[in-house]
Amino acid sequence: MKLFKLKGKIILAPMEGVTNIPFKVLCKKYGSSLAYTSQLSAVAINRKSERILKQARSVSEERPVGLQLFGRNPEVLLKAAKKFEKNFDLIDLNFGCPSNKIVKQGYGSALLKEKDRIFDIVNIVSEGLKKPLTVKIRSGFKKVEALELVKVIERAGASAITIHARTQKQGYSGKADWELIKKVKSKVGIPVIGNGDVIDEESAERMLKETGCDYVMVGRGAMKNPFLFKRINHYLKTGKKLKQKDKLELFKEYYELCKKYKMVELKNLKVILSYFTQGLGGSKKIRERINKVKSVNELLKINNKFNKFII
C-alpha cells in the first residue's frame, strides 16, 4: 500500500515522555507534516494496560498521525494495530529503539539482527491492515546492516522506511551517517525518511539535498523548540530565516493545549518547560527552580518571569 502524500517535508519524531497529544498538536500548528505516538508495547495494548491505552488516543487536530508499536511477535503486533487502526492514518513499527531495557527483551533494535523475523512481522502486519505500514530502523546493531535490511522490509510490504543513521551501539552519540541514508534511498522504491542530526534550518536542507531522502524527521531539535518546523519550512521555501518565537509564548500555548485535552500533569509540564529553556541565557538557573516546583501554579509563575532569567 502506498504512503499518502504529506503536505510538507518535515516530520516530528516519536519521543517517549514528549510527544503526547498537546505536543503533537503544537508541532502540527507550526508545520509538522506527520507525527506519531511515542512507542507503545503491543503486548501491553493487548493486555489492556490502562496507562498504555491512554497514550494510544488520537484527536483530529494532530492528524495525520501514526501509531508506533514495538514487539517481536507478528500476530501480537497485528492484533494491537487492528485495535486502533481506525483512529490513526498509519501504523509504524519501531525496530530502531536503542534502549538497553528494550533491547534486552528482544525488541527495538535487537531485531536488526533478525532479518527473517523482521520480514515475517512486516509481511503479516501489512497484509492484515487497511492503512499504510511504515517501519523505523537504525543503521544496524553493532555494524551497518541497513542496506540488506531495507530491501527485506520493502519486499515484505512496508509503505515507507525511516532510518536513523546511527547503530544501536552508538545510541545518540557520534555523528549520523548521512551517506548511508543516500545509499538506502538508492536501494528502495518506497519513501525514505531520514533521521539524525537535523537541528536547524540548514541541516534540514542539507539532509534533503545530500541524501535525496523524501522526508526529514526531527526529534531533539523539535523537543526544545516546536517553532522549528515553521522556521525550517520557511527556509526551504525562501532561503531566509524567520525570527524565533518567544519560548514563553510557546510554553503558554502548550499549557493551554494540555488543559484543552485534559492532560495537565506537573511532571510533564516540568519536563517540557525544561526542554524549552535549553539554549536560553540563564537556563541553568531556571531549570534549578523548575526542579523544585511542587505545583502547576508555581511552575506557571516561573514561566511568566522568564524574561528575568534571559540574558
Protein backbone atom coordinates (compact mmCIF):
# COMPACT_ATOMS: atom_id res chain seq x y z
CA MET A 1 0.00 0.00 0.00
CA LYS A 2 1.34 3.44 -0.93
CA LEU A 3 2.03 6.06 1.71
CA PHE A 4 -0.31 9.02 1.32
CA LYS A 5 1.34 12.26 0.19
CA LEU A 6 2.35 14.58 3.02
CA LYS A 7 1.88 18.35 2.83
CA GLY A 8 5.44 19.10 3.90
CA LYS A 9 8.88 17.55 4.13
CA ILE A 10 9.44 17.77 7.90
CA ILE A 11 8.16 15.13 10.32
CA LEU A 12 8.03 15.05 14.12
CA ALA A 13 9.90 12.09 15.63
CA PRO A 14 8.17 9.97 18.27
CA MET A 15 9.76 10.67 21.67
CA GLU A 16 8.98 8.99 24.97
CA GLY A 17 7.56 11.42 27.51
CA VAL A 18 7.37 14.25 24.97
CA THR A 19 5.11 13.52 22.00
CA ASN A 20 1.76 13.47 23.75
CA ILE A 21 -1.34 14.92 22.08
CA PRO A 22 -0.74 18.57 23.13
CA PHE A 23 2.86 18.49 21.89
CA LYS A 24 1.89 16.93 18.56
CA VAL A 25 -0.90 19.47 18.04
CA LEU A 26 1.52 22.32 18.82
CA CYS A 27 4.06 20.98 16.31
CA LYS A 28 1.32 20.50 13.70
CA LYS A 29 0.32 24.15 14.17
CA TYR A 30 3.86 25.20 13.29
CA GLY A 31 4.27 22.93 10.29
CA SER A 32 4.99 19.33 11.19
CA SER A 33 3.58 17.24 8.33
CA LEU A 34 3.27 13.97 10.30
CA ALA A 35 3.58 12.83 13.91
CA TYR A 36 3.42 9.58 15.86
CA THR A 37 2.58 8.39 19.32
CA SER A 38 5.62 7.52 21.40
CA GLN A 39 6.46 3.82 21.02
CA LEU A 40 3.83 1.64 22.68
CA SER A 41 4.09 -2.02 23.63
CA ALA A 42 1.84 -4.28 21.55
CA VAL A 43 1.80 -6.74 24.45
CA ALA A 44 0.62 -4.03 26.86
CA ILE A 45 -2.11 -2.89 24.45
CA ASN A 46 -3.44 -6.42 24.14
CA ARG A 47 -3.37 -6.79 27.92
CA LYS A 48 -5.45 -3.59 28.11
CA SER A 49 -2.92 -1.69 30.20
CA GLU A 50 -4.75 1.49 31.20
CA ARG A 51 -1.57 3.58 31.09
CA ILE A 52 -0.69 2.44 27.56
CA LEU A 53 -4.25 2.64 26.20
CA LYS A 54 -4.36 6.25 27.40
CA GLN A 55 -1.32 7.01 25.22
CA ALA A 56 -2.99 5.40 22.19
CA ARG A 57 -5.61 8.15 21.98
CA SER A 58 -5.72 10.43 18.96
CA VAL A 59 -7.51 13.68 18.08
CA SER A 60 -8.35 15.22 14.71
CA GLU A 61 -6.17 18.30 15.34
CA GLU A 62 -2.94 16.26 15.29
CA ARG A 63 -3.62 14.35 12.06
CA PRO A 64 -2.07 12.91 10.04
CA VAL A 65 -0.74 10.80 12.89
CA GLY A 66 0.69 7.31 13.23
CA LEU A 67 0.51 4.72 16.00
CA GLN A 68 4.02 3.47 16.76
CA LEU A 69 4.30 -0.04 18.18
CA PHE A 70 7.10 -2.27 19.36
CA GLY A 71 7.14 -6.03 19.79
CA ARG A 72 8.56 -9.18 18.17
CA ASN A 73 5.53 -11.40 17.61
CA PRO A 74 3.74 -10.70 14.28
CA GLU A 75 0.31 -11.83 15.49
CA VAL A 76 0.58 -9.82 18.72
CA LEU A 77 1.60 -6.72 16.77
CA LEU A 78 -1.21 -7.15 14.23
CA LYS A 79 -3.80 -7.61 16.96
CA ALA A 80 -2.65 -4.41 18.70
CA ALA A 81 -2.54 -2.47 15.42
CA LYS A 82 -6.06 -3.52 14.42
CA LYS A 83 -7.47 -2.32 17.75
CA PHE A 84 -6.57 1.28 16.88
CA GLU A 85 -6.21 1.23 13.10
CA LYS A 86 -9.36 3.29 12.50
CA ASN A 87 -8.09 6.09 14.80
CA PHE A 88 -4.76 6.57 13.02
CA ASP A 89 -3.57 7.33 9.50
CA LEU A 90 -0.79 4.75 9.57
CA ILE A 91 0.87 2.17 11.79
CA ASP A 92 4.62 2.35 12.43
CA LEU A 93 6.81 -0.47 13.73
CA ASN A 94 9.84 0.53 15.77
CA PHE A 95 12.86 -1.68 15.08
CA GLY A 96 15.23 1.15 15.96
CA CYS A 97 14.93 1.87 19.68
CA PRO A 98 18.47 1.61 21.17
CA SER A 99 17.38 1.46 24.83
CA ASN A 100 19.13 -1.40 26.64
CA LYS A 101 15.92 -2.11 28.55
CA ILE A 102 14.05 -2.63 25.26
CA VAL A 103 16.91 -4.49 23.56
CA LYS A 104 17.32 -6.99 26.43
CA GLN A 105 13.73 -8.13 25.81
CA GLY A 106 14.47 -8.74 22.13
CA TYR A 107 12.57 -5.64 20.99
CA GLY A 108 13.58 -2.47 19.15
CA SER A 109 17.00 -2.54 17.52
CA ALA A 110 17.66 -6.07 18.83
CA LEU A 111 15.55 -7.17 15.85
CA LEU A 112 18.03 -5.67 13.39
CA LYS A 113 19.97 -8.93 13.80
CA GLU A 114 16.89 -10.99 12.79
CA LYS A 115 16.11 -10.27 9.13
CA ASP A 116 13.81 -13.27 8.71
CA ARG A 117 11.74 -12.28 11.73
CA ILE A 118 11.51 -8.70 10.50
CA PHE A 119 10.27 -9.95 7.12
CA ASP A 120 7.58 -12.07 8.81
CA ILE A 121 6.48 -9.23 11.08
CA VAL A 122 6.23 -6.64 8.31
CA ASN A 123 4.58 -9.07 5.90
CA ILE A 124 1.93 -10.34 8.32
CA VAL A 125 1.12 -6.92 9.79
CA SER A 126 0.98 -5.11 6.43
CA GLU A 127 -1.23 -7.83 4.92
CA GLY A 128 -3.64 -7.58 7.84
CA LEU A 129 -4.11 -3.80 7.77
CA LYS A 130 -6.12 -1.39 5.64
CA LYS A 131 -3.78 1.50 6.46
CA PRO A 132 -0.14 2.03 5.41
CA LEU A 133 2.54 0.33 7.50
CA THR A 134 5.84 2.15 7.98
CA VAL A 135 8.99 0.89 9.67
CA LYS A 136 11.70 2.67 11.66
CA ILE A 137 15.20 1.20 11.82
CA ARG A 138 18.78 2.16 12.62
CA SER A 139 21.95 1.65 10.59
CA GLY A 140 22.39 -1.68 12.33
CA PHE A 141 23.07 -3.19 15.73
CA LYS A 142 26.85 -3.01 16.17
CA LYS A 143 27.67 -2.70 12.47
CA VAL A 144 25.89 -1.38 9.38
CA GLU A 145 23.18 -3.84 8.30
CA ALA A 146 20.60 -1.48 6.83
CA LEU A 147 21.40 -1.89 3.13
CA GLU A 148 20.25 -5.51 3.07
CA LEU A 149 17.52 -4.96 5.62
CA VAL A 150 15.71 -2.17 3.77
CA LYS A 151 15.22 -4.41 0.74
CA VAL A 152 13.75 -7.09 3.01
CA ILE A 153 11.41 -4.54 4.58
CA GLU A 154 10.26 -3.22 1.20
CA ARG A 155 9.69 -6.73 -0.14
CA ALA A 156 7.64 -7.59 2.95
CA GLY A 157 5.16 -4.79 2.21
CA ALA A 158 6.20 -1.64 4.09
CA SER A 159 4.93 1.67 2.70
CA ALA A 160 7.93 3.73 3.87
CA ILE A 161 11.14 3.38 5.89
CA THR A 162 12.59 5.75 8.46
CA ILE A 163 16.30 5.32 9.06
CA HIS A 164 18.16 6.81 11.99
CA ALA A 165 21.70 6.76 10.65
CA ARG A 166 23.39 5.50 13.81
CA THR A 167 23.85 1.96 15.13
CA GLN A 168 22.31 0.68 18.35
CA LYS A 169 25.79 0.70 19.87
CA GLN A 170 26.16 4.42 19.09
CA GLY A 171 22.85 5.33 20.69
CA TYR A 172 22.65 9.10 20.19
CA SER A 173 26.41 9.70 20.28
CA GLY A 174 28.76 10.39 17.42
CA LYS A 175 27.73 11.62 14.00
CA ALA A 176 24.80 10.29 11.97
CA ASP A 177 25.93 8.67 8.71
CA TRP A 178 24.01 10.60 6.08
CA GLU A 179 25.88 8.79 3.30
CA LEU A 180 24.10 5.63 4.44
CA ILE A 181 20.71 7.35 4.08
CA LYS A 182 21.69 8.21 0.50
CA LYS A 183 22.58 4.56 -0.17
CA VAL A 184 19.31 3.37 1.38
CA LYS A 185 17.37 5.74 -0.86
CA SER A 186 19.08 4.23 -3.91
CA LYS A 187 18.17 0.68 -2.81
CA VAL A 188 14.39 1.01 -2.42
CA GLY A 189 11.43 2.36 -4.33
CA ILE A 190 9.36 3.40 -1.31
CA PRO A 191 9.70 6.76 0.52
CA VAL A 192 12.70 7.12 2.82
CA ILE A 193 12.56 9.33 5.90
CA GLY A 194 15.99 10.49 7.06
CA ASN A 195 16.69 10.90 10.78
CA GLY A 196 19.72 12.03 12.74
CA ASP A 197 21.49 15.35 13.42
CA VAL A 198 18.84 17.66 11.95
CA ILE A 199 18.73 20.51 14.45
CA ASP A 200 18.07 23.64 12.41
CA GLU A 201 17.14 25.06 9.01
CA GLU A 202 20.50 24.46 7.34
CA SER A 203 20.87 20.86 8.48
CA ALA A 204 17.34 20.02 7.28
CA GLU A 205 18.09 21.45 3.85
CA ARG A 206 21.45 19.66 3.71
CA MET A 207 19.95 16.29 4.58
CA LEU A 208 17.36 16.60 1.82
CA LYS A 209 19.97 17.65 -0.75
CA GLU A 210 22.82 15.35 0.27
CA THR A 211 20.82 12.15 0.79
CA GLY A 212 17.89 12.54 -1.61
CA CYS A 213 15.55 11.32 1.13
CA ASP A 214 11.86 12.10 0.70
CA TYR A 215 11.25 13.47 4.19
CA VAL A 216 13.26 14.56 7.22
CA MET A 217 12.41 13.51 10.78
CA VAL A 218 13.23 15.98 13.56
CA GLY A 219 13.47 14.88 17.20
CA ARG A 220 15.67 16.64 19.72
CA GLY A 221 15.54 19.98 17.88
CA ALA A 222 11.73 19.98 18.00
CA MET A 223 11.74 18.86 21.62
CA LYS A 224 13.41 22.15 22.55
CA ASN A 225 11.52 24.27 20.04
CA PRO A 226 8.27 23.26 18.24
CA PHE A 227 8.51 26.51 16.26
CA LEU A 228 11.46 24.91 14.45
CA PHE A 229 9.05 23.35 11.94
CA LYS A 230 7.89 26.76 10.78
CA ARG A 231 11.45 28.01 10.58
CA ILE A 232 12.60 25.04 8.50
CA ASN A 233 9.61 25.15 6.14
CA HIS A 234 10.07 28.89 5.61
CA TYR A 235 13.79 28.43 4.94
CA LEU A 236 13.19 25.62 2.45
CA LYS A 237 10.76 27.82 0.51
CA THR A 238 12.55 31.19 0.67
CA GLY A 239 16.16 30.61 1.74
CA LYS A 240 15.56 33.13 4.52
CA LYS A 241 15.38 32.64 8.28
CA LEU A 242 12.41 33.54 10.46
CA LYS A 243 12.85 35.24 13.80
CA GLN A 244 12.47 32.81 16.72
CA LYS A 245 9.11 32.84 18.51
CA ASP A 246 9.20 33.69 22.22
CA LYS A 247 9.66 30.48 24.24
CA LEU A 248 7.41 31.95 26.95
CA GLU A 249 4.55 32.10 24.46
CA LEU A 250 5.28 28.59 23.19
CA PHE A 251 5.01 27.15 26.68
CA LYS A 252 1.77 29.05 27.32
CA GLU A 253 0.35 27.54 24.12
CA TYR A 254 1.44 24.09 25.24
CA TYR A 255 -0.17 24.53 28.65
CA GLU A 256 -3.46 25.69 27.08
CA LEU A 257 -3.48 22.58 24.87
CA CYS A 258 -2.87 20.41 27.95
CA LYS A 259 -5.92 22.00 29.54
CA LYS A 260 -7.98 21.55 26.37
CA TYR A 261 -7.24 17.82 26.20
CA LYS A 262 -7.42 17.34 29.99
CA MET A 263 -3.77 16.33 30.15
CA VAL A 264 -2.36 18.76 32.71
CA GLU A 265 0.35 16.87 34.62
CA LEU A 266 3.01 18.66 36.68
CA LYS A 267 5.76 16.16 35.85
CA ASN A 268 5.20 16.52 32.10
CA LEU A 269 4.96 20.33 32.27
CA LYS A 270 8.27 20.48 34.14
CA VAL A 271 9.91 18.28 31.51
CA ILE A 272 8.63 20.36 28.60
CA LEU A 273 9.48 23.72 30.20
CA SER A 274 12.99 22.44 30.97
CA TYR A 275 13.44 21.48 27.32
CA PHE A 276 12.12 24.84 26.13
CA THR A 277 14.65 26.70 28.29
CA GLN A 278 17.65 24.95 26.73
CA GLY A 279 19.83 27.38 24.85
CA LEU A 280 18.49 30.43 26.68
CA GLY A 281 20.67 32.70 28.77
CA GLY A 282 20.39 31.78 32.44
CA SER A 283 18.69 28.48 31.58
CA LYS A 284 20.62 26.50 34.20
CA LYS A 285 19.25 28.76 36.92
CA ILE A 286 15.73 28.45 35.51
CA ARG A 287 15.91 24.64 35.44
CA GLU A 288 17.14 24.54 39.04
CA ARG A 289 13.98 26.40 40.03
CA ILE A 290 11.77 24.21 37.83
CA ASN A 291 13.08 21.06 39.56
CA LYS A 292 11.98 22.40 42.96
CA VAL A 293 8.44 23.30 41.88
CA LYS A 294 5.60 21.49 43.71
CA SER A 295 2.52 22.77 41.84
CA VAL A 296 1.36 23.79 38.36
CA ASN A 297 0.62 27.35 39.52
CA GLU A 298 4.14 27.70 40.89
CA LEU A 299 5.54 26.48 37.57
CA LEU A 300 3.45 29.00 35.62
CA LYS A 301 4.79 31.80 37.79
CA ILE A 302 8.34 30.81 36.85
CA ASN A 303 7.38 30.76 33.17
CA ASN A 304 5.81 34.22 33.45
CA LYS A 305 9.10 35.56 34.85
CA PHE A 306 11.18 34.09 32.03
CA ASN A 307 12.44 37.50 30.91
CA LYS A 308 14.22 37.96 34.25
CA PHE A 309 16.36 34.91 33.53
CA ILE A 310 17.14 35.53 29.87
CA ILE A 311 20.43 37.39 29.42
